[in-house]
Protein backbone atom coordinates (compact mmCIF):
# COMPACT_ATOMS: atom_id res chain seq x y z
CA MET A 1 -26.99 -25.00 -3.97
CA LYS A 2 -29.64 -23.06 -5.87
CA PRO A 3 -28.23 -21.81 -9.20
CA ILE A 4 -27.94 -18.07 -9.60
CA LYS A 5 -27.36 -15.97 -12.67
CA PRO A 6 -24.41 -13.60 -13.05
CA LEU A 7 -24.93 -10.48 -10.99
CA GLY A 8 -24.93 -6.94 -12.27
CA GLU A 9 -23.20 -4.03 -10.56
CA ILE A 10 -22.86 -4.58 -6.81
CA ILE A 11 -22.94 -1.52 -4.62
CA PRO A 12 -20.19 -1.78 -1.97
CA ILE A 13 -21.34 -2.01 1.60
CA SER A 14 -21.77 1.43 3.11
CA PHE A 15 -18.70 2.71 4.90
CA ASP A 16 -20.29 3.73 8.17
CA ALA A 17 -19.94 2.69 11.79
CA LYS A 18 -23.06 0.53 11.95
CA HIS A 19 -21.40 -2.06 9.68
CA GLN A 20 -18.11 -2.06 11.54
CA GLN A 21 -18.77 -4.96 13.89
CA GLN A 22 -20.41 -7.41 11.48
CA GLY A 23 -19.71 -8.74 8.01
CA PHE A 24 -19.93 -11.71 5.69
CA VAL A 25 -17.26 -14.42 5.55
CA HIS A 26 -16.96 -16.97 2.76
CA SER A 27 -14.41 -19.26 4.41
CA ILE A 28 -11.40 -19.51 6.72
CA GLU A 29 -8.14 -21.34 6.07
CA THR A 30 -5.93 -21.81 9.11
CA GLY A 31 -2.80 -23.06 7.35
CA ALA A 32 -2.56 -20.99 4.16
CA ALA A 33 0.90 -21.07 2.59
CA VAL A 34 0.36 -18.99 -0.57
CA ASP A 35 -1.26 -15.83 0.79
CA GLY A 36 1.69 -13.84 2.07
CA PRO A 37 4.87 -14.65 3.97
CA GLY A 38 4.98 -17.78 6.09
CA MET A 39 1.97 -19.71 7.32
CA ARG A 40 -1.17 -17.58 7.35
CA PHE A 41 -4.63 -17.49 8.85
CA ALA A 42 -6.53 -16.60 5.67
CA LEU A 43 -9.94 -14.99 6.03
CA PHE A 44 -11.91 -14.98 2.77
CA VAL A 45 -14.74 -12.47 2.87
CA SER A 46 -17.69 -12.30 0.50
CA GLY A 47 -18.60 -9.71 -2.09
CA CYS A 48 -16.79 -8.69 -5.26
CA GLN A 49 -17.71 -6.21 -7.98
CA PHE A 50 -15.29 -7.79 -10.49
CA ARG A 51 -16.32 -10.60 -12.85
CA CYS A 52 -12.95 -12.12 -13.74
CA LEU A 53 -13.23 -14.82 -16.40
CA TYR A 54 -10.90 -17.12 -14.46
CA CYS A 55 -12.38 -16.54 -10.99
CA HIS A 56 -12.07 -19.72 -8.93
CA ASN A 57 -14.51 -18.48 -6.26
CA PRO A 58 -17.56 -17.07 -8.13
CA ASP A 59 -19.59 -18.06 -5.08
CA THR A 60 -17.97 -15.08 -3.31
CA TRP A 61 -19.38 -12.51 -5.73
CA LYS A 62 -22.63 -11.97 -3.88
CA LEU A 63 -22.07 -10.37 -0.50
CA HIS A 64 -24.79 -12.25 1.35
CA ASN A 65 -23.65 -15.64 0.05
CA GLY A 66 -21.21 -15.57 2.94
CA LYS A 67 -21.92 -16.45 6.54
CA SER A 68 -22.59 -13.54 8.89
CA TYR A 69 -19.80 -13.03 11.43
CA THR A 70 -19.18 -10.46 14.10
CA VAL A 71 -15.69 -9.05 14.52
CA ASP A 72 -15.63 -10.67 17.96
CA ALA A 73 -16.35 -14.08 16.43
CA VAL A 74 -13.53 -13.69 13.93
CA MET A 75 -11.15 -12.56 16.65
CA THR A 76 -12.11 -15.50 18.87
CA GLU A 77 -11.17 -17.89 16.06
CA LEU A 78 -8.01 -15.99 15.15
CA SER A 79 -6.86 -15.83 18.77
CA LYS A 80 -6.65 -19.62 18.92
CA TYR A 81 -3.68 -19.50 16.54
CA ALA A 82 -2.14 -16.15 17.49
CA SER A 83 0.88 -17.46 19.40
CA PHE A 84 1.84 -19.66 16.44
CA LEU A 85 1.08 -17.02 13.82
CA ARG A 86 3.27 -14.43 15.54
CA ILE A 87 6.22 -16.72 14.83
CA ALA A 88 5.18 -18.47 11.63
CA GLY A 89 3.27 -15.92 9.54
CA GLY A 90 0.22 -13.83 10.28
CA LEU A 91 -3.23 -12.86 9.06
CA THR A 92 -4.28 -12.37 5.43
CA ILE A 93 -7.70 -11.08 4.45
CA SER A 94 -8.76 -11.97 0.93
CA GLY A 95 -12.01 -12.61 -0.88
CA GLY A 96 -13.99 -11.85 -2.85
CA GLU A 97 -12.83 -8.29 -2.49
CA PRO A 98 -12.12 -7.23 1.12
CA LEU A 99 -12.66 -3.54 0.45
CA MET A 100 -16.33 -4.29 -0.24
CA GLN A 101 -16.55 -4.58 3.59
CA ALA A 102 -13.97 -2.00 4.53
CA HIS A 103 -15.13 -1.21 8.08
CA PHE A 104 -15.53 -4.86 9.04
CA VAL A 105 -12.15 -5.77 7.56
CA GLY A 106 -10.46 -2.66 8.94
CA GLU A 107 -11.60 -3.43 12.47
CA ILE A 108 -10.28 -6.99 12.21
CA PHE A 109 -6.93 -5.66 11.00
CA ARG A 110 -6.84 -3.11 13.84
CA ARG A 111 -7.43 -5.71 16.51
CA ALA A 112 -5.16 -8.30 14.93
CA LYS A 113 -2.34 -5.77 14.78
CA GLN A 114 -2.81 -3.91 18.04
CA ASP A 115 -4.19 -6.66 20.29
CA LEU A 116 -2.60 -9.83 18.87
CA LYS A 117 0.58 -8.26 17.40
CA LEU A 118 0.21 -10.17 14.13
CA HIS A 119 1.68 -9.44 10.72
CA THR A 120 -1.22 -8.45 8.46
CA ALA A 121 -1.72 -8.69 4.71
CA LEU A 122 -4.52 -7.46 2.46
CA ASP A 123 -5.24 -9.22 -0.85
CA THR A 124 -7.05 -6.77 -3.15
CA GLN A 125 -7.30 -5.31 -6.63
CA GLY A 126 -7.65 -1.89 -5.02
CA PHE A 127 -10.64 -0.76 -7.09
CA LEU A 128 -12.46 0.65 -4.05
CA ALA A 129 -9.43 2.07 -2.25
CA SER A 130 -10.31 5.64 -3.16
CA HIS A 131 -13.19 5.42 -0.66
CA LEU A 132 -10.65 5.09 2.16
CA ASP A 133 -8.11 7.51 3.60
CA ASP A 134 -4.49 6.56 4.18
CA THR A 135 -5.00 5.90 7.88
CA TRP A 136 -7.18 2.88 7.05
CA PHE A 137 -4.01 1.13 5.90
CA ASP A 138 -2.03 1.84 9.09
CA ASN A 139 -2.76 -1.67 10.40
CA VAL A 140 -1.88 -3.37 7.10
CA ASP A 141 1.74 -4.50 6.84
CA LEU A 142 1.61 -5.84 3.30
CA VAL A 143 -0.66 -5.44 0.28
CA LEU A 144 -1.02 -8.33 -2.16
CA LEU A 145 -2.05 -6.28 -5.19
CA ASP A 146 -3.74 -8.08 -8.07
CA ILE A 147 -2.91 -6.44 -11.39
CA LYS A 148 -4.53 -8.67 -13.96
CA GLN A 149 -3.43 -7.01 -17.21
CA SER A 150 -1.55 -3.87 -18.28
CA ASP A 151 -3.64 -3.18 -21.38
CA PRO A 152 -6.80 -1.26 -20.37
CA VAL A 153 -9.00 -2.81 -23.07
CA LYS A 154 -7.88 -6.37 -22.30
CA TYR A 155 -8.17 -5.68 -18.57
CA GLU A 156 -11.80 -4.64 -18.86
CA ALA A 157 -12.61 -7.61 -21.10
CA LEU A 158 -11.08 -9.90 -18.48
CA THR A 159 -12.57 -8.34 -15.34
CA GLY A 160 -15.53 -6.21 -16.35
CA LYS A 161 -13.96 -3.16 -14.69
CA PRO A 162 -11.50 -0.42 -15.73
CA LEU A 163 -7.79 -0.70 -14.96
CA GLN A 164 -7.02 2.87 -13.88
CA PRO A 165 -8.33 2.70 -10.28
CA THR A 166 -5.96 -0.22 -9.61
CA LEU A 167 -3.01 1.71 -11.04
CA ASP A 168 -4.01 4.77 -9.01
CA PHE A 169 -3.96 2.61 -5.91
CA ALA A 170 -0.54 1.18 -6.81
CA GLU A 171 0.87 4.70 -7.04
CA ARG A 172 -0.79 5.65 -3.78
CA LEU A 173 0.80 2.66 -2.06
CA GLN A 174 4.17 3.78 -3.39
CA LYS A 175 3.69 7.24 -1.89
CA MET A 176 2.75 5.64 1.43
CA GLY A 177 5.79 3.38 1.29
CA LYS A 178 3.54 0.38 1.87
CA PRO A 179 5.18 -2.97 1.00
CA VAL A 180 3.53 -4.63 -1.99
CA TRP A 181 3.56 -8.04 -3.62
CA VAL A 182 2.09 -7.79 -7.11
CA ARG A 183 0.10 -10.81 -8.29
CA TYR A 184 -0.19 -11.52 -12.00
CA VAL A 185 -2.20 -14.50 -13.25
CA LEU A 186 -0.69 -15.85 -16.46
CA ILE A 187 -3.43 -16.97 -18.86
CA PRO A 188 -2.55 -18.22 -22.34
CA GLY A 189 -4.13 -15.99 -24.96
CA ILE A 190 -5.22 -13.38 -22.42
CA SER A 191 -2.30 -12.18 -20.30
CA ASP A 192 0.71 -13.86 -21.91
CA ASP A 193 1.51 -11.26 -24.57
CA PHE A 194 5.11 -10.30 -23.85
CA SER A 195 4.50 -6.67 -24.79
CA ASP A 196 1.76 -6.44 -22.15
CA VAL A 197 4.00 -8.06 -19.56
CA GLU A 198 6.87 -5.73 -20.42
CA LYS A 199 4.57 -2.73 -20.11
CA LEU A 200 3.58 -3.82 -16.59
CA ALA A 201 7.19 -4.58 -15.66
CA ASP A 202 8.31 -1.15 -16.87
CA TYR A 203 5.49 0.44 -14.88
CA LEU A 204 6.51 -1.36 -11.68
CA LYS A 205 10.26 -0.96 -12.07
CA PRO A 206 10.58 2.52 -10.44
CA MET A 207 8.41 1.59 -7.45
CA LYS A 208 10.76 0.88 -4.55
CA ASN A 209 7.97 -0.61 -2.41
CA ILE A 210 7.42 -3.60 -4.74
CA GLU A 211 8.98 -6.50 -2.85
CA ARG A 212 8.12 -9.17 -5.40
CA VAL A 213 6.00 -10.06 -8.40
CA GLU A 214 4.18 -13.37 -8.20
CA VAL A 215 3.48 -14.87 -11.62
CA LEU A 216 0.64 -17.31 -10.97
CA PRO A 217 -0.12 -19.95 -13.61
CA PHE A 218 -3.78 -20.04 -14.67
CA HIS A 219 -5.76 -23.09 -13.55
CA LYS A 220 -9.36 -24.24 -13.90
CA MET A 221 -9.90 -25.50 -10.35
CA GLY A 222 -12.97 -23.30 -9.96
CA GLU A 223 -14.70 -24.38 -13.17
CA SER A 224 -17.07 -26.75 -11.36
CA LYS A 225 -18.35 -23.88 -9.19
CA TRP A 226 -19.45 -21.99 -12.29
CA ALA A 227 -21.47 -25.02 -13.35
CA GLU A 228 -23.01 -25.34 -9.88
CA LEU A 229 -24.08 -21.69 -10.07
CA GLY A 230 -25.59 -22.15 -13.53
CA MET A 231 -23.01 -19.93 -15.21
CA LYS A 232 -21.00 -20.50 -18.36
CA TYR A 233 -17.25 -20.79 -17.86
CA GLU A 234 -15.63 -19.02 -20.80
CA LEU A 235 -12.15 -20.52 -20.37
CA THR A 236 -12.99 -24.22 -20.61
CA ASP A 237 -10.71 -24.66 -23.62
CA THR A 238 -7.89 -22.50 -22.24
CA PRO A 239 -4.86 -24.55 -21.16
CA SER A 240 -2.62 -23.86 -18.20
CA PRO A 241 0.64 -22.18 -19.24
CA SER A 242 3.73 -24.31 -19.68
CA MET A 243 6.47 -23.92 -17.10
CA GLU A 244 8.68 -22.65 -19.92
CA LEU A 245 6.23 -19.80 -20.58
CA VAL A 246 5.92 -19.05 -16.85
CA GLU A 247 9.71 -18.73 -16.57
CA GLN A 248 9.91 -16.56 -19.68
CA VAL A 249 7.37 -14.15 -18.18
CA ARG A 250 9.14 -14.17 -14.83
CA ASP A 251 12.38 -13.33 -16.63
CA LEU A 252 10.77 -10.22 -18.15
CA PHE A 253 10.16 -8.93 -14.61
CA ARG A 254 13.62 -9.99 -13.43
CA GLN A 255 15.23 -8.08 -16.30
CA ARG A 256 13.74 -4.92 -14.72
CA GLY A 257 15.29 -5.74 -11.36
CA LEU A 258 12.05 -7.06 -9.85
CA PHE A 259 12.18 -10.12 -7.61
CA THR A 260 9.86 -12.70 -9.14
CA CYS A 261 8.50 -16.06 -8.12
């Protein structure tokens, strides 16, 4: 693969009808077990405006690094597993950032929900959600919402983007009554400060639509991809959190009445 340098600001794909039937897909996993309830068909689309220091798929950052797919092509592949998925799990669209290709993703969700009767989940940090009206989410059963830090300064240092749009989206999801699983990656020295965790837990506590908080231990499985792309991986010397620390952080959420795993 030809090395590329880190990208600057990426303009999200225009939200108009001409893009609705075609998009860019990074990869497909037909037996995903960690991307929502049950066994999932996980569609990973390309394009992300965040630059998270721990990203394990930096090859998804550039939109056109993915393979061009039509909605029909995605649906043909998804349909092969529909009868099983209706019983065992459903469809999850992740990335990258799916809202970079909102019309493409939205059309897949519409057809998966209305034609195949599948449970649907969206994995997002919600940064671009303000571009979409509430009806876009009608065919989404569950949002896997990535909240990467509660401290705005630390959040921006970690991701390259401000925190507030994600919090605005979380509050919007609450008003819509949309079920949410919050995802929090636990990184020693970056997101393991108990005061930051408590701040997030206190923020989430009143939200009745939060079904669970997933505390995900940091890992360096994507480090080799950074090297392949000619980019410096800043967290080489950062260890994975101990299971003791993971359980301590989970307990902080549980103390606020939040189901945590």
